[in-house]
Amino acid sequence: MKLQILGCYAATPRTITNPTSQVLDIKNHMFLIDCGEGTQVQLRKHKIKFSRISHIFISHLHGDHFYGLIGLISTFMLLNRENDLHVYGPKGIKEIILLQLRASGSFTGYNLYFHELESKESEVIFEDDAVIVKTIPLNHRVYTNGFLFQEKLGKRHLNIEAVAKYKIEKVYFDKIKSGGNVTLDSGEVITNELLSFPPDAPMSYAFCSDTLYDESIVPIIKDVDVLYHESTFLDSEMQYTEKTKHATAKEAAQIAKLANVKNLILGHYSTRYGSIEPFKTEAQTIFDNVLLADDGKEFEF
């Protein structure tokens, strides 16, 4: 599971920082999460193939999280995209994008599907044989969702030595990976446990930005491998959290601790600060495994 941070700063884009956008590479899917201004430039800069992006998840309709979407959709058109594109986001996102396309006399040339979200309860919004994606209702100034990405349990791994020992033919390999036993010509049954190793433990990633400190999300993100939680402010500016519906680094760490997550990534920093290191310092007073997002940074788990 790889996470590429394209942008992780709050509010306005600057020459040295970018608003929220990231790419999650999980089980052969490349999911784009939020799409602030400059996202497509960052995609090019980090050599991410546009053609691999088929699903875009927009947390909410504040500009620093989706103003790059119409540009990316238009660029897909100019690149003669043929594959379907699915956009998941709050109700209203379809109207906004189609209005811009109509006003500019543009069209996509590929199938563009909108999956508009309204529920204030967690719900499954995408699922296939490998991955399931659920919403995480967040507490912000407008309707906002985080997203929980969970791998499904994969196939077992072949025990090559055992397969060779029992002279198992390749035709049975898929059956073994799927958990099946093999019966030899002699009638002897070789159990799956002798022929394979357990599958890799499924990975999970929770994206939570933007939100006021809210413990109601804890049951949804319980035990995830990686939590990205907004940390707009340091403790010294805590007085702004209620008005802006944002959180501090310490509050993000408290959520991580309550949810028993393995790793916490901080992001969505206010641009008022000259350094992001204090965010980690403050968060680690509550939770140990703290990582700092930064534009262009890649994480692999």
C-alpha atoms as a PDB file:
ATOM      1  CA  MET A   1       0.000   0.000   0.000  1.00  0.00           C
ATOM      2  CA  LYS A   2       1.522   3.294  -1.146  1.00  0.00           C
ATOM      3  CA  LEU A   3       0.397   6.818  -0.366  1.00  0.00           C
ATOM      4  CA  GLN A   4       1.681   9.752  -2.427  1.00  0.00           C
ATOM      5  CA  ILE A   5       1.014  13.166  -0.933  1.00  0.00           C
ATOM      6  CA  LEU A   6       0.470  15.728  -3.696  1.00  0.00           C
ATOM      7  CA  GLY A   7      -0.632  18.532  -1.382  1.00  0.00           C
ATOM      8  CA  CYS A   8      -1.381  18.758   2.332  1.00  0.00           C
ATOM      9  CA  TYR A   9      -1.692  22.413   3.319  1.00  0.00           C
ATOM     10  CA  ALA A  10      -4.855  24.305   4.248  1.00  0.00           C
ATOM     11  CA  ALA A  11      -6.686  27.081   2.415  1.00  0.00           C
ATOM     12  CA  THR A  12      -4.764  28.734  -0.417  1.00  0.00           C
ATOM     13  CA  PRO A  13      -2.125  27.343  -2.779  1.00  0.00           C
ATOM     14  CA  ARG A  14       1.310  28.956  -2.582  1.00  0.00           C
ATOM     15  CA  THR A  15       4.495  28.705  -4.605  1.00  0.00           C
ATOM     16  CA  ILE A  16       5.944  26.442  -1.909  1.00  0.00           C
ATOM     17  CA  THR A  17       2.872  24.488  -0.805  1.00  0.00           C
ATOM     18  CA  ASN A  18      -0.182  22.846  -2.363  1.00  0.00           C
ATOM     19  CA  PRO A  19      -3.742  22.283  -1.097  1.00  0.00           C
ATOM     20  CA  THR A  20      -5.072  18.835  -0.341  1.00  0.00           C
ATOM     21  CA  SER A  21      -4.677  15.988  -2.800  1.00  0.00           C
ATOM     22  CA  GLN A  22      -3.188  12.512  -2.528  1.00  0.00           C
ATOM     23  CA  VAL A  23      -2.989   9.236  -4.400  1.00  0.00           C
ATOM     24  CA  LEU A  24      -3.526   5.866  -2.725  1.00  0.00           C
ATOM     25  CA  ASP A  25      -2.130   2.828  -4.545  1.00  0.00           C
ATOM     26  CA  ILE A  26      -3.830  -0.227  -3.084  1.00  0.00           C
ATOM     27  CA  LYS A  27      -4.542  -3.675  -4.566  1.00  0.00           C
ATOM     28  CA  ASN A  28      -3.848  -2.487  -8.146  1.00  0.00           C
ATOM     29  CA  HIS A  29      -6.166   0.511  -7.721  1.00  0.00           C
ATOM     30  CA  MET A  30      -4.916   4.075  -7.899  1.00  0.00           C
ATOM     31  CA  PHE A  31      -7.426   6.235  -6.023  1.00  0.00           C
ATOM     32  CA  LEU A  32      -7.220  10.028  -6.139  1.00  0.00           C
ATOM     33  CA  ILE A  33      -8.367  11.558  -2.843  1.00  0.00           C
ATOM     34  CA  ASP A  34      -9.358  15.223  -3.045  1.00  0.00           C
ATOM     35  CA  CYS A  35      -8.243  17.435  -5.884  1.00  0.00           C
ATOM     36  CA  GLY A  36      -7.140  20.908  -4.863  1.00  0.00           C
ATOM     37  CA  GLU A  37      -5.713  23.434  -7.308  1.00  0.00           C
ATOM     38  CA  GLY A  38      -2.524  22.238  -8.966  1.00  0.00           C
ATOM     39  CA  THR A  39      -3.282  18.545  -8.578  1.00  0.00           C
ATOM     40  CA  GLN A  40      -2.627  17.675 -12.214  1.00  0.00           C
ATOM     41  CA  VAL A  41       0.687  19.554 -12.122  1.00  0.00           C
ATOM     42  CA  GLN A  42       1.682  17.520  -9.069  1.00  0.00           C
ATOM     43  CA  LEU A  43       0.600  14.305 -10.808  1.00  0.00           C
ATOM     44  CA  ARG A  44       2.949  15.121 -13.679  1.00  0.00           C
ATOM     45  CA  LYS A  45       5.747  16.205 -11.379  1.00  0.00           C
ATOM     46  CA  HIS A  46       5.660  12.884  -9.561  1.00  0.00           C
ATOM     47  CA  LYS A  47       5.216  10.862 -12.770  1.00  0.00           C
ATOM     48  CA  ILE A  48       1.844   9.376 -11.848  1.00  0.00           C
ATOM     49  CA  LYS A  49       0.031   7.952 -14.837  1.00  0.00           C
ATOM     50  CA  PHE A  50      -3.245   9.772 -15.446  1.00  0.00           C
ATOM     51  CA  SER A  51      -4.687   6.674 -17.120  1.00  0.00           C
ATOM     52  CA  ARG A  52      -4.501   4.682 -13.874  1.00  0.00           C
ATOM     53  CA  ILE A  53      -6.918   7.024 -12.113  1.00  0.00           C
ATOM     54  CA  SER A  54     -10.495   5.792 -12.512  1.00  0.00           C
ATOM     55  CA  HIS A  55     -11.964   6.773  -9.130  1.00  0.00           C
ATOM     56  CA  ILE A  56     -11.771  10.219  -7.508  1.00  0.00           C
ATOM     57  CA  PHE A  57     -13.009  10.819  -3.962  1.00  0.00           C
ATOM     58  CA  ILE A  58     -13.887  14.387  -2.938  1.00  0.00           C
ATOM     59  CA  SER A  59     -14.335  14.965   0.801  1.00  0.00           C
ATOM     60  CA  HIS A  60     -16.237  18.261   0.616  1.00  0.00           C
ATOM     61  CA  LEU A  61     -16.925  21.295  -1.541  1.00  0.00           C
ATOM     62  CA  HIS A  62     -14.436  23.762  -0.122  1.00  0.00           C
ATOM     63  CA  GLY A  63     -12.150  25.025  -2.861  1.00  0.00           C
ATOM     64  CA  ASP A  64      -8.881  23.761  -1.441  1.00  0.00           C
ATOM     65  CA  HIS A  65     -10.221  20.229  -1.803  1.00  0.00           C
ATOM     66  CA  PHE A  66     -11.807  20.219  -5.260  1.00  0.00           C
ATOM     67  CA  TYR A  67     -10.974  23.300  -7.375  1.00  0.00           C
ATOM     68  CA  GLY A  68      -8.513  21.210  -9.391  1.00  0.00           C
ATOM     69  CA  LEU A  69     -11.180  18.715 -10.454  1.00  0.00           C
ATOM     70  CA  ILE A  70     -12.602  20.501 -13.514  1.00  0.00           C
ATOM     71  CA  GLY A  71      -9.081  21.060 -14.836  1.00  0.00           C
ATOM     72  CA  LEU A  72      -8.164  17.418 -14.429  1.00  0.00           C
ATOM     73  CA  ILE A  73     -11.406  16.260 -16.059  1.00  0.00           C
ATOM     74  CA  SER A  74     -10.711  18.590 -18.995  1.00  0.00           C
ATOM     75  CA  THR A  75      -7.121  17.364 -19.317  1.00  0.00           C
ATOM     76  CA  PHE A  76      -8.354  13.776 -19.445  1.00  0.00           C
ATOM     77  CA  MET A  77     -10.455  14.877 -22.440  1.00  0.00           C
ATOM     78  CA  LEU A  78      -7.457  16.486 -24.163  1.00  0.00           C
ATOM     79  CA  LEU A  79      -5.471  13.299 -23.614  1.00  0.00           C
ATOM     80  CA  ASN A  80      -8.220  11.372 -25.470  1.00  0.00           C
ATOM     81  CA  ARG A  81      -9.126   9.330 -22.445  1.00  0.00           C
ATOM     82  CA  GLU A  82     -11.437   6.404 -23.175  1.00  0.00           C
ATOM     83  CA  ASN A  83     -11.786   4.732 -19.769  1.00  0.00           C
ATOM     84  CA  ASP A  84     -14.723   5.517 -17.492  1.00  0.00           C
ATOM     85  CA  LEU A  85     -14.145   8.006 -14.658  1.00  0.00           C
ATOM     86  CA  HIS A  86     -16.065   7.831 -11.378  1.00  0.00           C
ATOM     87  CA  VAL A  87     -16.315  10.820  -9.038  1.00  0.00           C
ATOM     88  CA  TYR A  88     -17.572  10.379  -5.462  1.00  0.00           C
ATOM     89  CA  GLY A  89     -18.477  13.526  -3.562  1.00  0.00           C
ATOM     90  CA  PRO A  90     -21.181  15.602  -1.852  1.00  0.00           C
ATOM     91  CA  LYS A  91     -24.478  16.303  -3.565  1.00  0.00           C
ATOM     92  CA  GLY A  92     -23.952  19.312  -5.805  1.00  0.00           C
ATOM     93  CA  ILE A  93     -20.645  18.239  -7.289  1.00  0.00           C
ATOM     94  CA  LYS A  94     -22.283  16.973 -10.477  1.00  0.00           C
ATOM     95  CA  GLU A  95     -24.088  20.269 -11.050  1.00  0.00           C
ATOM     96  CA  ILE A  96     -20.886  22.258 -10.466  1.00  0.00           C
ATOM     97  CA  ILE A  97     -18.773  20.246 -12.893  1.00  0.00           C
ATOM     98  CA  LEU A  98     -21.400  19.917 -15.636  1.00  0.00           C
ATOM     99  CA  LEU A  99     -22.135  23.656 -15.465  1.00  0.00           C
ATOM    100  CA  GLN A 100     -18.463  24.425 -16.117  1.00  0.00           C
ATOM    101  CA  LEU A 101     -18.320  21.937 -18.973  1.00  0.00           C
ATOM    102  CA  ARG A 102     -21.467  23.369 -20.569  1.00  0.00           C
ATOM    103  CA  ALA A 103     -20.393  26.995 -20.131  1.00  0.00           C
ATOM    104  CA  SER A 104     -17.083  26.302 -21.861  1.00  0.00           C
ATOM    105  CA  GLY A 105     -18.664  24.241 -24.628  1.00  0.00           C
ATOM    106  CA  SER A 106     -16.645  21.222 -23.491  1.00  0.00           C
ATOM    107  CA  PHE A 107     -17.392  17.540 -23.366  1.00  0.00           C
ATOM    108  CA  THR A 108     -15.500  14.596 -21.927  1.00  0.00           C
ATOM    109  CA  GLY A 109     -15.482  12.019 -24.732  1.00  0.00           C
ATOM    110  CA  TYR A 110     -15.442   9.331 -22.035  1.00  0.00           C
ATOM    111  CA  ASN A 111     -18.087   8.177 -19.568  1.00  0.00           C
ATOM    112  CA  LEU A 112     -18.146  10.418 -16.491  1.00  0.00           C
ATOM    113  CA  TYR A 113     -20.125   9.060 -13.554  1.00  0.00           C
ATOM    114  CA  PHE A 114     -20.992  11.013 -10.411  1.00  0.00           C
ATOM    115  CA  HIS A 115     -21.802   9.250  -7.155  1.00  0.00           C
ATOM    116  CA  GLU A 116     -23.289  11.970  -4.987  1.00  0.00           C
ATOM    117  CA  LEU A 117     -23.258  11.517  -1.226  1.00  0.00           C
ATOM    118  CA  GLU A 118     -25.836  12.757   1.278  1.00  0.00           C
ATOM    119  CA  SER A 119     -25.882  10.247   4.130  1.00  0.00           C
ATOM    120  CA  LYS A 120     -24.663  11.334   7.545  1.00  0.00           C
ATOM    121  CA  GLU A 121     -24.001   7.692   8.413  1.00  0.00           C
ATOM    122  CA  SER A 122     -21.045   5.641   7.224  1.00  0.00           C
ATOM    123  CA  GLU A 123     -21.865   3.797   4.011  1.00  0.00           C
ATOM    124  CA  VAL A 124     -20.135   1.626   1.403  1.00  0.00           C
ATOM    125  CA  ILE A 125     -19.577   3.650  -1.781  1.00  0.00           C
ATOM    126  CA  PHE A 126     -17.251   1.333  -3.714  1.00  0.00           C
ATOM    127  CA  GLU A 127     -16.552  -2.386  -3.624  1.00  0.00           C
ATOM    128  CA  ASP A 128     -14.972  -4.999  -5.847  1.00  0.00           C
ATOM    129  CA  ASP A 129     -13.133  -8.299  -5.300  1.00  0.00           C
ATOM    130  CA  ALA A 130     -10.083  -6.575  -3.820  1.00  0.00           C
ATOM    131  CA  VAL A 131     -11.108  -3.370  -2.013  1.00  0.00           C
ATOM    132  CA  ILE A 132     -14.020  -1.839  -0.157  1.00  0.00           C
ATOM    133  CA  VAL A 133     -14.416   1.930   0.424  1.00  0.00           C
ATOM    134  CA  LYS A 134     -16.643   3.441   3.115  1.00  0.00           C
ATOM    135  CA  THR A 135     -17.412   7.015   4.092  1.00  0.00           C
ATOM    136  CA  ILE A 136     -16.376   8.502   7.432  1.00  0.00           C
ATOM    137  CA  PRO A 137     -18.854  11.281   8.367  1.00  0.00           C
ATOM    138  CA  LEU A 138     -16.871  14.299   9.596  1.00  0.00           C
ATOM    139  CA  ASN A 139     -17.773  17.394  11.597  1.00  0.00           C
ATOM    140  CA  HIS A 140     -16.971  20.425   9.435  1.00  0.00           C
ATOM    141  CA  ARG A 141     -18.649  23.668   8.326  1.00  0.00           C
ATOM    142  CA  VAL A 142     -20.171  21.992   5.263  1.00  0.00           C
ATOM    143  CA  TYR A 143     -21.200  18.393   4.579  1.00  0.00           C
ATOM    144  CA  THR A 144     -17.938  16.433   4.675  1.00  0.00           C
ATOM    145  CA  ASN A 145     -16.823  12.823   4.512  1.00  0.00           C
ATOM    146  CA  GLY A 146     -13.540  11.103   5.115  1.00  0.00           C
ATOM    147  CA  PHE A 147     -12.905   7.786   3.403  1.00  0.00           C
ATOM    148  CA  LEU A 148     -11.915   4.367   4.710  1.00  0.00           C
ATOM    149  CA  PHE A 149     -10.109   2.097   2.238  1.00  0.00           C
ATOM    150  CA  GLN A 150      -9.883  -1.562   3.215  1.00  0.00           C
ATOM    151  CA  GLU A 151      -8.223  -4.419   1.391  1.00  0.00           C
ATOM    152  CA  LYS A 152     -10.111  -7.686   1.256  1.00  0.00           C
ATOM    153  CA  LEU A 153      -8.356 -10.883   2.307  1.00  0.00           C
ATOM    154  CA  GLY A 154      -6.260 -12.068  -0.631  1.00  0.00           C
ATOM    155  CA  LYS A 155      -5.324 -15.543  -1.824  1.00  0.00           C
ATOM    156  CA  ARG A 156      -2.922 -17.820  -0.010  1.00  0.00           C
ATOM    157  CA  HIS A 157       0.730 -18.110  -1.077  1.00  0.00           C
ATOM    158  CA  LEU A 158       2.109 -21.275  -2.652  1.00  0.00           C
ATOM    159  CA  ASN A 159       4.616 -23.279  -0.653  1.00  0.00           C
ATOM    160  CA  ILE A 160       6.930 -23.953  -3.581  1.00  0.00           C
ATOM    161  CA  GLU A 161       8.973 -26.593  -1.761  1.00  0.00           C
ATOM    162  CA  ALA A 162       5.870 -28.528  -0.737  1.00  0.00           C
ATOM    163  CA  VAL A 163       4.359 -28.294  -4.211  1.00  0.00           C
ATOM    164  CA  ALA A 164       7.578 -29.697  -5.667  1.00  0.00           C
ATOM    165  CA  LYS A 165       7.789 -32.412  -2.994  1.00  0.00           C
ATOM    166  CA  TYR A 166       4.297 -33.744  -3.792  1.00  0.00           C
ATOM    167  CA  LYS A 167       4.768 -33.156  -7.523  1.00  0.00           C
ATOM    168  CA  ILE A 168       1.647 -31.016  -7.766  1.00  0.00           C
ATOM    169  CA  GLU A 169       0.846 -29.932 -11.330  1.00  0.00           C
ATOM    170  CA  LYS A 170       0.401 -26.237 -12.172  1.00  0.00           C
ATOM    171  CA  VAL A 171      -3.250 -26.771 -13.016  1.00  0.00           C
ATOM    172  CA  TYR A 172      -3.929 -27.031  -9.261  1.00  0.00           C
ATOM    173  CA  PHE A 173      -2.071 -23.882  -8.251  1.00  0.00           C
ATOM    174  CA  ASP A 174      -5.083 -21.575  -8.353  1.00  0.00           C
ATOM    175  CA  LYS A 175      -7.135 -24.072  -6.366  1.00  0.00           C
ATOM    176  CA  ILE A 176      -4.410 -24.180  -3.720  1.00  0.00           C
ATOM    177  CA  LYS A 177      -4.197 -20.368  -3.555  1.00  0.00           C
ATOM    178  CA  SER A 178      -7.972 -20.318  -3.045  1.00  0.00           C
ATOM    179  CA  GLY A 179      -7.680 -22.655  -0.049  1.00  0.00           C
ATOM    180  CA  GLY A 180      -8.418 -26.012  -1.653  1.00  0.00           C
ATOM    181  CA  ASN A 181      -6.860 -29.398  -0.909  1.00  0.00           C
ATOM    182  CA  VAL A 182      -5.324 -31.584  -3.622  1.00  0.00           C
ATOM    183  CA  THR A 183      -5.985 -35.288  -4.141  1.00  0.00           C
ATOM    184  CA  LEU A 184      -3.043 -37.199  -5.654  1.00  0.00           C
ATOM    185  CA  ASP A 185      -3.463 -40.005  -8.195  1.00  0.00           C
ATOM    186  CA  SER A 186      -2.830 -42.425  -5.341  1.00  0.00           C
ATOM    187  CA  GLY A 187      -5.907 -41.100  -3.574  1.00  0.00           C
ATOM    188  CA  GLU A 188      -3.894 -39.366  -0.840  1.00  0.00           C
ATOM    189  CA  VAL A 189      -5.324 -35.961   0.117  1.00  0.00           C
ATOM    190  CA  ILE A 190      -2.738 -33.229   0.645  1.00  0.00           C
ATOM    191  CA  THR A 191      -4.247 -30.551   2.853  1.00  0.00           C
ATOM    192  CA  ASN A 192      -3.999 -26.915   1.900  1.00  0.00           C
ATOM    193  CA  GLU A 193      -2.023 -26.071   5.038  1.00  0.00           C
ATOM    194  CA  LEU A 194       0.831 -28.243   3.739  1.00  0.00           C
ATOM    195  CA  LEU A 195       0.807 -26.645   0.300  1.00  0.00           C
ATOM    196  CA  SER A 196       0.404 -22.950   1.063  1.00  0.00           C
ATOM    197  CA  PHE A 197       1.078 -20.116   3.459  1.00  0.00           C
ATOM    198  CA  PRO A 198      -1.551 -17.731   4.852  1.00  0.00           C
ATOM    199  CA  PRO A 199      -2.426 -14.656   2.774  1.00  0.00           C
ATOM    200  CA  ASP A 200      -0.984 -11.254   3.601  1.00  0.00           C
ATOM    201  CA  ALA A 201      -2.896  -9.396   6.292  1.00  0.00           C
ATOM    202  CA  PRO A 202      -5.299  -6.900   4.635  1.00  0.00           C
ATOM    203  CA  MET A 203      -4.201  -3.266   4.877  1.00  0.00           C
ATOM    204  CA  SER A 204      -6.453  -0.318   5.672  1.00  0.00           C
ATOM    205  CA  TYR A 205      -6.200   3.455   5.289  1.00  0.00           C
ATOM    206  CA  ALA A 206      -8.454   6.139   6.755  1.00  0.00           C
ATOM    207  CA  PHE A 207      -8.459   9.685   5.345  1.00  0.00           C
ATOM    208  CA  CYS A 208      -9.969  12.298   7.675  1.00  0.00           C
ATOM    209  CA  SER A 209      -9.834  15.916   6.528  1.00  0.00           C
ATOM    210  CA  ASP A 210     -11.368  18.421   7.408  1.00  0.00           C
ATOM    211  CA  THR A 211     -12.973  17.978  10.799  1.00  0.00           C
ATOM    212  CA  LEU A 212     -13.423  19.259  14.299  1.00  0.00           C
ATOM    213  CA  TYR A 213     -12.274  16.839  17.004  1.00  0.00           C
ATOM    214  CA  ASP A 214     -15.012  14.213  17.013  1.00  0.00           C
ATOM    215  CA  GLU A 215     -14.787  10.878  18.799  1.00  0.00           C
ATOM    216  CA  SER A 216     -17.794   9.512  16.894  1.00  0.00           C
ATOM    217  CA  ILE A 217     -15.455   8.447  14.073  1.00  0.00           C
ATOM    218  CA  VAL A 218     -13.425   6.180  16.366  1.00  0.00           C
ATOM    219  CA  PRO A 219     -15.546   3.005  15.878  1.00  0.00           C
ATOM    220  CA  ILE A 220     -15.336   3.406  12.085  1.00  0.00           C
ATOM    221  CA  ILE A 221     -11.547   3.709  11.963  1.00  0.00           C
ATOM    222  CA  LYS A 222     -10.773   1.289  14.795  1.00  0.00           C
ATOM    223  CA  ASP A 223      -7.448  -0.578  14.332  1.00  0.00           C
ATOM    224  CA  VAL A 224      -6.639   0.813  10.881  1.00  0.00           C
ATOM    225  CA  ASP A 225      -3.056   0.516   9.696  1.00  0.00           C
ATOM    226  CA  VAL A 226      -2.770   4.161   8.689  1.00  0.00           C
ATOM    227  CA  LEU A 227      -4.819   7.193   9.694  1.00  0.00           C
ATOM    228  CA  TYR A 228      -4.419  10.546   7.949  1.00  0.00           C
ATOM    229  CA  HIS A 229      -6.015  13.114  10.215  1.00  0.00           C
ATOM    230  CA  GLU A 230      -6.089  16.840   9.712  1.00  0.00           C
ATOM    231  CA  SER A 231      -4.024  18.934  12.121  1.00  0.00           C
ATOM    232  CA  THR A 232      -4.644  22.475  10.989  1.00  0.00           C
ATOM    233  CA  PHE A 233      -3.502  24.088  14.226  1.00  0.00           C
ATOM    234  CA  LEU A 234      -0.998  23.749  17.020  1.00  0.00           C
ATOM    235  CA  ASP A 235      -2.130  23.963  20.627  1.00  0.00           C
ATOM    236  CA  SER A 236      -1.315  27.680  20.756  1.00  0.00           C
ATOM    237  CA  GLU A 237      -4.143  28.367  18.253  1.00  0.00           C
ATOM    238  CA  MET A 238      -6.699  26.004  19.762  1.00  0.00           C
ATOM    239  CA  GLN A 239      -9.124  28.915  20.154  1.00  0.00           C
ATOM    240  CA  TYR A 240      -9.733  28.813  16.389  1.00  0.00           C
ATOM    241  CA  THR A 241     -10.816  25.175  16.182  1.00  0.00           C
ATOM    242  CA  GLU A 242     -14.484  25.587  17.089  1.00  0.00           C
ATOM    243  CA  LYS A 243     -15.076  28.509  14.716  1.00  0.00           C
ATOM    244  CA  THR A 244     -13.281  26.926  11.752  1.00  0.00           C
ATOM    245  CA  LYS A 245     -14.259  23.309  12.536  1.00  0.00           C
ATOM    246  CA  HIS A 246     -10.673  22.127  12.371  1.00  0.00           C
ATOM    247  CA  ALA A 247      -8.446  20.146  14.735  1.00  0.00           C
ATOM    248  CA  THR A 248      -5.056  20.417  16.401  1.00  0.00           C
ATOM    249  CA  ALA A 249      -2.144  17.993  16.179  1.00  0.00           C
ATOM    250  CA  LYS A 250      -2.808  16.836  19.742  1.00  0.00           C
ATOM    251  CA  GLU A 251      -6.471  16.203  18.950  1.00  0.00           C
ATOM    252  CA  ALA A 252      -5.508  14.138  15.913  1.00  0.00           C
ATOM    253  CA  ALA A 253      -3.192  12.123  18.140  1.00  0.00           C
ATOM    254  CA  GLN A 254      -5.969  11.591  20.671  1.00  0.00           C
ATOM    255  CA  ILE A 255      -8.220  10.169  17.943  1.00  0.00           C
ATOM    256  CA  ALA A 256      -5.389   7.885  16.819  1.00  0.00           C
ATOM    257  CA  LYS A 257      -4.891   6.673  20.374  1.00  0.00           C
ATOM    258  CA  LEU A 258      -8.589   6.030  20.979  1.00  0.00           C
ATOM    259  CA  ALA A 259      -8.894   4.164  17.669  1.00  0.00           C
ATOM    260  CA  ASN A 260      -5.749   2.097  18.327  1.00  0.00           C
ATOM    261  CA  VAL A 261      -4.390   2.827  14.854  1.00  0.00           C
ATOM    262  CA  LYS A 262      -0.891   1.679  13.915  1.00  0.00           C
ATOM    263  CA  ASN A 263       0.332   4.870  12.244  1.00  0.00           C
ATOM    264  CA  LEU A 264      -0.855   8.486  12.270  1.00  0.00           C
ATOM    265  CA  ILE A 265      -0.075  10.878   9.419  1.00  0.00           C
ATOM    266  CA  LEU A 266      -0.646  14.556  10.132  1.00  0.00           C
ATOM    267  CA  GLY A 267      -1.584  17.050   7.413  1.00  0.00           C
ATOM    268  CA  HIS A 268      -3.741  20.015   6.361  1.00  0.00           C
ATOM    269  CA  TYR A 269      -1.426  22.415   8.135  1.00  0.00           C
ATOM    270  CA  SER A 270      -2.319  26.074   8.396  1.00  0.00           C
ATOM    271  CA  THR A 271       0.141  28.102   6.331  1.00  0.00           C
ATOM    272  CA  ARG A 272       0.651  30.495   9.267  1.00  0.00           C
ATOM    273  CA  TYR A 273       3.407  28.245  10.594  1.00  0.00           C
ATOM    274  CA  GLY A 274       7.007  28.429   9.424  1.00  0.00           C
ATOM    275  CA  SER A 275       7.750  24.776  10.196  1.00  0.00           C
ATOM    276  CA  ILE A 276       5.673  21.603  10.439  1.00  0.00           C
ATOM    277  CA  GLU A 277       7.990  19.852  12.911  1.00  0.00           C
ATOM    278  CA  PRO A 278       6.135  21.212  15.981  1.00  0.00           C
ATOM    279  CA  PHE A 279       3.030  19.318  14.816  1.00  0.00           C
ATOM    280  CA  LYS A 280       4.870  16.030  15.261  1.00  0.00           C
ATOM    281  CA  THR A 281       6.348  17.120  18.569  1.00  0.00           C
ATOM    282  CA  GLU A 282       2.953  18.013  20.021  1.00  0.00           C
ATOM    283  CA  ALA A 283       1.217  14.896  18.675  1.00  0.00           C
ATOM    284  CA  GLN A 284       3.889  12.581  20.081  1.00  0.00           C
ATOM    285  CA  THR A 285       3.066  13.697  23.613  1.00  0.00           C
ATOM    286  CA  ILE A 286      -0.064  11.576  23.157  1.00  0.00           C
ATOM    287  CA  PHE A 287       0.654   9.041  20.381  1.00  0.00           C
ATOM    288  CA  ASP A 288       4.033   7.556  19.409  1.00  0.00           C
ATOM    289  CA  ASN A 289       3.837   6.558  15.748  1.00  0.00           C
ATOM    290  CA  VAL A 290       3.431   9.982  14.152  1.00  0.00           C
ATOM    291  CA  LEU A 291       4.433  10.809  10.585  1.00  0.00           C
ATOM    292  CA  LEU A 292       4.318  14.194   8.867  1.00  0.00           C
ATOM    293  CA  ALA A 293       2.747  14.560   5.449  1.00  0.00           C
ATOM    294  CA  ASP A 294       4.439  17.001   3.105  1.00  0.00           C
ATOM    295  CA  ASP A 295       4.020  17.849  -0.552  1.00  0.00           C
ATOM    296  CA  GLY A 296       5.640  15.147  -2.672  1.00  0.00           C
ATOM    297  CA  LYS A 297       6.235  12.769   0.230  1.00  0.00           C
ATOM    298  CA  GLU A 298       5.582   9.069  -0.355  1.00  0.00           C
ATOM    299  CA  PHE A 299       4.719   6.495   2.276  1.00  0.00           C
ATOM    300  CA  GLU A 300       4.801   2.740   1.801  1.00  0.00           C
ATOM    301  CA  PHE A 301       3.267   0.302   4.263  1.00  0.00           C
END
